[in-house]
Amino acid sequence: MQIRVYYEDTDIGGVVYYVNYLKFIERARSELFFERGLSPIVDGGSFVVRSVRAEYLKSAVFGDLLVVKTEFVEMRAASLTLFQEIFRGDEKLFEATVRLAFVQDGKPARIPQDIALIFK
């Protein structure tokens, strides 16, 4: 997924503010559903972030065109793990391992089969 860095994404120096990398990878995860005509919210259930291990490698700046890549790592009954990277051209700027839990009515729930197929 491509993302353009806008002024609103940056700090006073024109460098992408650190938390926005997390927003960029969140958008890419949502696009996995939208590209298939699905919603990330299914029968009142959705994924929530359980944990993130992030590495900020280099800075993106105002005007950059970034590419977010998402790789499936592991799925369990009620959670899954993804590895996500952000690139500017061939240069890797950011990487994160994200563990998501599927919840319904505020409680962990089994990932629905049709959603599980997106990640297999």
N, C-alpha and C. Protein backbone atom coordinates (compact mmCIF):
# COMPACT_ATOMS: atom_id res chain seq x y z
N MET A 1 0.84 -1.18 0.00
CA MET A 1 0.00 0.00 0.00
C MET A 1 0.88 1.24 0.00
N GLN A 2 0.55 2.21 -0.82
CA GLN A 2 1.32 3.46 -0.88
C GLN A 2 0.70 4.53 0.00
N ILE A 3 1.57 5.30 0.62
CA ILE A 3 1.15 6.42 1.46
C ILE A 3 2.04 7.61 1.14
N ARG A 4 1.44 8.75 0.90
CA ARG A 4 2.19 9.99 0.71
C ARG A 4 2.30 10.67 2.07
N VAL A 5 3.47 11.19 2.39
CA VAL A 5 3.65 11.92 3.65
C VAL A 5 3.20 13.36 3.44
N TYR A 6 2.19 13.76 4.21
CA TYR A 6 1.67 15.12 4.17
C TYR A 6 2.22 15.93 5.34
N TYR A 7 2.08 17.22 5.23
CA TYR A 7 2.57 18.12 6.27
C TYR A 7 2.02 17.73 7.64
N GLU A 8 0.76 17.35 7.68
CA GLU A 8 0.12 16.97 8.94
C GLU A 8 0.75 15.74 9.59
N ASP A 9 1.50 14.95 8.82
CA ASP A 9 2.17 13.76 9.35
C ASP A 9 3.50 14.07 10.01
N THR A 10 3.96 15.32 9.89
CA THR A 10 5.32 15.64 10.30
C THR A 10 5.37 16.53 11.53
N ASP A 11 6.57 16.60 12.11
CA ASP A 11 6.80 17.53 13.21
C ASP A 11 7.26 18.87 12.64
N ILE A 12 7.67 19.76 13.48
CA ILE A 12 8.06 21.10 13.04
C ILE A 12 9.23 21.09 12.06
N GLY A 13 10.04 20.03 12.10
CA GLY A 13 11.19 19.92 11.20
C GLY A 13 10.89 19.23 9.88
N GLY A 14 9.62 18.85 9.66
CA GLY A 14 9.26 18.18 8.41
C GLY A 14 9.54 16.69 8.40
N VAL A 15 9.86 16.12 9.57
CA VAL A 15 10.13 14.69 9.72
C VAL A 15 8.87 14.01 10.25
N VAL A 16 8.57 12.82 9.73
CA VAL A 16 7.37 12.11 10.18
C VAL A 16 7.45 11.88 11.69
N TYR A 17 6.41 12.30 12.39
CA TYR A 17 6.30 12.12 13.82
C TYR A 17 6.18 10.62 14.10
N TYR A 18 6.87 10.13 15.12
CA TYR A 18 7.04 8.69 15.33
C TYR A 18 5.73 7.90 15.39
N VAL A 19 4.70 8.43 16.03
CA VAL A 19 3.45 7.68 16.17
C VAL A 19 2.75 7.49 14.83
N ASN A 20 3.04 8.33 13.85
CA ASN A 20 2.37 8.20 12.56
C ASN A 20 2.78 6.95 11.79
N TYR A 21 3.95 6.40 12.09
CA TYR A 21 4.31 5.12 11.47
C TYR A 21 3.31 4.05 11.90
N LEU A 22 2.88 4.11 13.16
CA LEU A 22 1.88 3.15 13.64
C LEU A 22 0.54 3.37 12.93
N LYS A 23 0.20 4.62 12.66
CA LYS A 23 -1.02 4.90 11.90
C LYS A 23 -0.90 4.37 10.47
N PHE A 24 0.26 4.51 9.86
CA PHE A 24 0.46 4.02 8.50
C PHE A 24 0.28 2.51 8.42
N ILE A 25 0.83 1.77 9.38
CA ILE A 25 0.68 0.31 9.32
C ILE A 25 -0.74 -0.11 9.67
N GLU A 26 -1.43 0.68 10.50
CA GLU A 26 -2.84 0.41 10.79
C GLU A 26 -3.67 0.56 9.52
N ARG A 27 -3.42 1.60 8.75
CA ARG A 27 -4.13 1.80 7.48
C ARG A 27 -3.91 0.61 6.54
N ALA A 28 -2.69 0.14 6.49
CA ALA A 28 -2.37 -1.00 5.61
C ALA A 28 -3.12 -2.25 6.05
N ARG A 29 -3.24 -2.46 7.35
CA ARG A 29 -4.00 -3.62 7.84
C ARG A 29 -5.48 -3.49 7.45
N SER A 30 -6.04 -2.30 7.57
CA SER A 30 -7.44 -2.10 7.16
C SER A 30 -7.61 -2.34 5.67
N GLU A 31 -6.64 -1.93 4.87
CA GLU A 31 -6.71 -2.12 3.42
C GLU A 31 -6.74 -3.60 3.04
N LEU A 32 -6.16 -4.48 3.86
CA LEU A 32 -6.24 -5.92 3.58
C LEU A 32 -7.70 -6.35 3.46
N PHE A 33 -8.56 -5.76 4.26
CA PHE A 33 -9.99 -6.06 4.21
C PHE A 33 -10.67 -5.32 3.07
N PHE A 34 -10.44 -4.01 3.00
CA PHE A 34 -11.12 -3.18 2.01
C PHE A 34 -10.84 -3.64 0.58
N GLU A 35 -9.62 -4.10 0.31
CA GLU A 35 -9.27 -4.59 -1.03
C GLU A 35 -10.11 -5.79 -1.44
N ARG A 36 -10.65 -6.51 -0.47
CA ARG A 36 -11.45 -7.70 -0.74
C ARG A 36 -12.96 -7.42 -0.58
N GLY A 37 -13.29 -6.13 -0.44
CA GLY A 37 -14.69 -5.77 -0.28
C GLY A 37 -15.25 -6.11 1.09
N LEU A 38 -14.38 -6.28 2.07
CA LEU A 38 -14.79 -6.64 3.43
C LEU A 38 -14.54 -5.48 4.38
N SER A 39 -15.07 -5.62 5.57
CA SER A 39 -14.83 -4.65 6.63
C SER A 39 -14.00 -5.31 7.72
N PRO A 40 -13.14 -4.55 8.39
CA PRO A 40 -12.40 -5.11 9.53
C PRO A 40 -13.29 -5.37 10.74
N ILE A 41 -14.54 -4.92 10.68
CA ILE A 41 -15.51 -5.17 11.75
C ILE A 41 -16.48 -6.24 11.24
N VAL A 42 -16.54 -7.38 11.94
CA VAL A 42 -17.33 -8.52 11.49
C VAL A 42 -18.27 -8.95 12.61
N ASP A 43 -19.57 -8.88 12.37
CA ASP A 43 -20.57 -9.30 13.36
C ASP A 43 -20.27 -8.72 14.74
N GLY A 44 -19.89 -7.45 14.78
CA GLY A 44 -19.61 -6.80 16.06
C GLY A 44 -18.25 -7.10 16.64
N GLY A 45 -17.48 -7.91 15.95
CA GLY A 45 -16.12 -8.25 16.41
C GLY A 45 -15.09 -7.54 15.56
N SER A 46 -13.92 -7.34 16.14
CA SER A 46 -12.84 -6.69 15.41
C SER A 46 -11.50 -7.03 16.04
N PHE A 47 -10.45 -6.66 15.33
CA PHE A 47 -9.10 -6.88 15.85
C PHE A 47 -8.65 -5.67 16.66
N VAL A 48 -7.98 -5.94 17.76
CA VAL A 48 -7.35 -4.89 18.56
C VAL A 48 -5.87 -5.25 18.68
N VAL A 49 -5.05 -4.24 18.81
CA VAL A 49 -3.61 -4.47 18.95
C VAL A 49 -3.34 -4.97 20.37
N ARG A 50 -2.69 -6.10 20.44
CA ARG A 50 -2.29 -6.66 21.74
C ARG A 50 -0.88 -6.24 22.09
N SER A 51 -0.01 -6.25 21.06
CA SER A 51 1.36 -5.82 21.30
C SER A 51 2.00 -5.38 19.98
N VAL A 52 2.98 -4.49 20.10
CA VAL A 52 3.75 -4.01 18.95
C VAL A 52 5.21 -3.94 19.36
N ARG A 53 6.07 -4.49 18.52
CA ARG A 53 7.51 -4.30 18.68
C ARG A 53 7.95 -3.53 17.46
N ALA A 54 8.32 -2.27 17.64
CA ALA A 54 8.63 -1.39 16.51
C ALA A 54 10.10 -0.98 16.51
N GLU A 55 10.65 -0.88 15.30
CA GLU A 55 12.02 -0.41 15.10
C GLU A 55 11.98 0.74 14.11
N TYR A 56 12.43 1.90 14.56
CA TYR A 56 12.50 3.08 13.71
C TYR A 56 13.92 3.14 13.15
N LEU A 57 14.07 2.89 11.86
CA LEU A 57 15.39 2.73 11.26
C LEU A 57 15.90 4.02 10.62
N LYS A 58 15.04 4.70 9.89
CA LYS A 58 15.40 5.97 9.23
C LYS A 58 14.16 6.83 9.17
N SER A 59 14.34 8.12 8.96
CA SER A 59 13.21 9.05 8.96
C SER A 59 12.61 9.25 7.58
N ALA A 60 11.28 9.31 7.55
CA ALA A 60 10.57 9.77 6.36
C ALA A 60 10.33 11.26 6.54
N VAL A 61 10.19 11.97 5.43
CA VAL A 61 9.99 13.42 5.50
C VAL A 61 8.83 13.83 4.61
N PHE A 62 8.40 15.06 4.82
CA PHE A 62 7.31 15.65 4.05
C PHE A 62 7.50 15.41 2.55
N GLY A 63 6.45 14.91 1.90
CA GLY A 63 6.48 14.68 0.46
C GLY A 63 6.90 13.30 0.03
N ASP A 64 7.49 12.51 0.94
CA ASP A 64 7.92 11.15 0.58
C ASP A 64 6.73 10.30 0.17
N LEU A 65 6.98 9.38 -0.76
CA LEU A 65 6.02 8.36 -1.11
C LEU A 65 6.51 7.06 -0.47
N LEU A 66 5.71 6.51 0.42
CA LEU A 66 6.09 5.33 1.17
C LEU A 66 5.28 4.12 0.73
N VAL A 67 5.86 2.95 0.92
CA VAL A 67 5.16 1.70 0.65
C VAL A 67 5.15 0.89 1.94
N VAL A 68 3.96 0.45 2.33
CA VAL A 68 3.81 -0.39 3.51
C VAL A 68 3.60 -1.83 3.03
N LYS A 69 4.43 -2.72 3.52
CA LYS A 69 4.31 -4.15 3.19
C LYS A 69 3.90 -4.91 4.45
N THR A 70 2.98 -5.84 4.27
CA THR A 70 2.45 -6.62 5.39
C THR A 70 2.64 -8.10 5.08
N GLU A 71 3.22 -8.81 6.04
CA GLU A 71 3.48 -10.25 5.89
C GLU A 71 2.84 -10.99 7.06
N PHE A 72 2.10 -12.04 6.75
CA PHE A 72 1.50 -12.89 7.76
C PHE A 72 2.59 -13.72 8.44
N VAL A 73 2.54 -13.83 9.75
CA VAL A 73 3.52 -14.61 10.50
C VAL A 73 2.88 -15.84 11.13
N GLU A 74 1.80 -15.63 11.90
CA GLU A 74 1.22 -16.74 12.66
C GLU A 74 -0.24 -16.44 12.99
N MET A 75 -1.05 -17.52 13.04
CA MET A 75 -2.42 -17.37 13.47
C MET A 75 -2.72 -18.40 14.54
N ARG A 76 -3.41 -17.93 15.57
CA ARG A 76 -3.94 -18.80 16.61
C ARG A 76 -5.45 -18.65 16.59
N ALA A 77 -6.14 -19.32 17.47
CA ALA A 77 -7.61 -19.30 17.45
C ALA A 77 -8.19 -17.88 17.55
N ALA A 78 -7.61 -17.04 18.43
CA ALA A 78 -8.18 -15.72 18.66
C ALA A 78 -7.18 -14.59 18.42
N SER A 79 -6.03 -14.91 17.83
CA SER A 79 -5.03 -13.87 17.59
C SER A 79 -4.22 -14.18 16.35
N LEU A 80 -3.56 -13.16 15.85
CA LEU A 80 -2.64 -13.36 14.74
C LEU A 80 -1.49 -12.38 14.86
N THR A 81 -0.39 -12.74 14.21
CA THR A 81 0.81 -11.91 14.24
C THR A 81 1.18 -11.55 12.81
N LEU A 82 1.49 -10.27 12.60
CA LEU A 82 1.91 -9.76 11.30
C LEU A 82 3.26 -9.06 11.44
N PHE A 83 4.03 -9.09 10.36
CA PHE A 83 5.27 -8.33 10.28
C PHE A 83 5.03 -7.26 9.22
N GLN A 84 5.24 -5.99 9.60
CA GLN A 84 4.98 -4.89 8.67
C GLN A 84 6.23 -4.03 8.52
N GLU A 85 6.46 -3.57 7.29
CA GLU A 85 7.62 -2.74 6.99
C GLU A 85 7.16 -1.53 6.19
N ILE A 86 7.89 -0.43 6.36
CA ILE A 86 7.65 0.76 5.57
C ILE A 86 8.93 1.10 4.82
N PHE A 87 8.78 1.30 3.51
CA PHE A 87 9.91 1.59 2.64
C PHE A 87 9.72 2.93 1.93
N ARG A 88 10.84 3.57 1.63
CA ARG A 88 10.90 4.70 0.70
C ARG A 88 11.81 4.19 -0.41
N GLY A 89 11.21 3.82 -1.53
CA GLY A 89 11.97 3.15 -2.58
C GLY A 89 12.47 1.81 -2.03
N ASP A 90 13.77 1.56 -2.15
CA ASP A 90 14.37 0.33 -1.64
C ASP A 90 14.86 0.46 -0.20
N GLU A 91 14.71 1.63 0.36
CA GLU A 91 15.25 1.92 1.69
C GLU A 91 14.20 1.63 2.78
N LYS A 92 14.53 0.70 3.67
CA LYS A 92 13.61 0.38 4.76
C LYS A 92 13.74 1.42 5.85
N LEU A 93 12.56 2.00 6.25
CA LEU A 93 12.54 3.05 7.25
C LEU A 93 12.03 2.56 8.61
N PHE A 94 11.18 1.56 8.59
CA PHE A 94 10.46 1.16 9.80
C PHE A 94 10.05 -0.29 9.67
N GLU A 95 10.05 -1.01 10.79
CA GLU A 95 9.50 -2.36 10.80
C GLU A 95 8.84 -2.61 12.15
N ALA A 96 7.81 -3.45 12.13
CA ALA A 96 7.10 -3.76 13.36
C ALA A 96 6.52 -5.16 13.29
N THR A 97 6.54 -5.83 14.42
CA THR A 97 5.83 -7.08 14.59
C THR A 97 4.61 -6.74 15.44
N VAL A 98 3.44 -7.04 14.90
CA VAL A 98 2.18 -6.64 15.52
C VAL A 98 1.37 -7.89 15.84
N ARG A 99 0.96 -8.02 17.10
CA ARG A 99 0.08 -9.11 17.49
C ARG A 99 -1.31 -8.53 17.70
N LEU A 100 -2.28 -9.11 17.00
CA LEU A 100 -3.66 -8.66 17.05
C LEU A 100 -4.52 -9.72 17.72
N ALA A 101 -5.46 -9.27 18.53
CA ALA A 101 -6.42 -10.19 19.14
C ALA A 101 -7.79 -9.87 18.55
N PHE A 102 -8.57 -10.90 18.29
CA PHE A 102 -9.94 -10.70 17.81
C PHE A 102 -10.84 -10.68 19.03
N VAL A 103 -11.66 -9.63 19.15
CA VAL A 103 -12.57 -9.50 20.29
C VAL A 103 -13.99 -9.28 19.80
N GLN A 104 -14.92 -9.83 20.59
CA GLN A 104 -16.35 -9.62 20.37
C GLN A 104 -16.96 -9.34 21.73
N ASP A 105 -17.75 -8.29 21.81
CA ASP A 105 -18.35 -7.89 23.08
C ASP A 105 -17.30 -7.68 24.17
N GLY A 106 -16.13 -7.18 23.75
CA GLY A 106 -15.07 -6.87 24.70
C GLY A 106 -14.28 -8.06 25.22
N LYS A 107 -14.52 -9.24 24.65
CA LYS A 107 -13.83 -10.46 25.10
C LYS A 107 -13.15 -11.14 23.92
N PRO A 108 -12.03 -11.81 24.17
CA PRO A 108 -11.39 -12.57 23.09
C PRO A 108 -12.36 -13.58 22.50
N ALA A 109 -12.30 -13.71 21.17
CA ALA A 109 -13.19 -14.64 20.46
C ALA A 109 -12.42 -15.29 19.32
N ARG A 110 -12.90 -16.44 18.91
CA ARG A 110 -12.29 -17.15 17.78
C ARG A 110 -12.41 -16.30 16.52
N ILE A 111 -11.35 -16.24 15.74
CA ILE A 111 -11.36 -15.50 14.48
C ILE A 111 -12.30 -16.20 13.51
N PRO A 112 -13.29 -15.49 12.95
CA PRO A 112 -14.20 -16.12 12.00
C PRO A 112 -13.44 -16.70 10.79
N GLN A 113 -13.92 -17.81 10.30
CA GLN A 113 -13.23 -18.52 9.22
C GLN A 113 -13.03 -17.65 7.98
N ASP A 114 -14.06 -16.88 7.58
CA ASP A 114 -13.92 -16.07 6.37
C ASP A 114 -12.84 -14.99 6.54
N ILE A 115 -12.65 -14.51 7.77
CA ILE A 115 -11.59 -13.53 8.04
C ILE A 115 -10.23 -14.24 8.08
N ALA A 116 -10.20 -15.42 8.66
CA ALA A 116 -8.94 -16.18 8.73
C ALA A 116 -8.39 -16.44 7.34
N LEU A 117 -9.26 -16.63 6.36
CA LEU A 117 -8.81 -16.91 4.99
C LEU A 117 -8.02 -15.76 4.39
N ILE A 118 -8.28 -14.54 4.82
CA ILE A 118 -7.54 -13.38 4.32
C ILE A 118 -6.05 -13.53 4.61
N PHE A 119 -5.72 -14.13 5.72
CA PHE A 119 -4.34 -14.21 6.17
C PHE A 119 -3.64 -15.52 5.81
N LYS A 120 -4.36 -16.44 5.19
CA LYS A 120 -3.73 -17.72 4.84
C LYS A 120 -3.28 -17.73 3.40
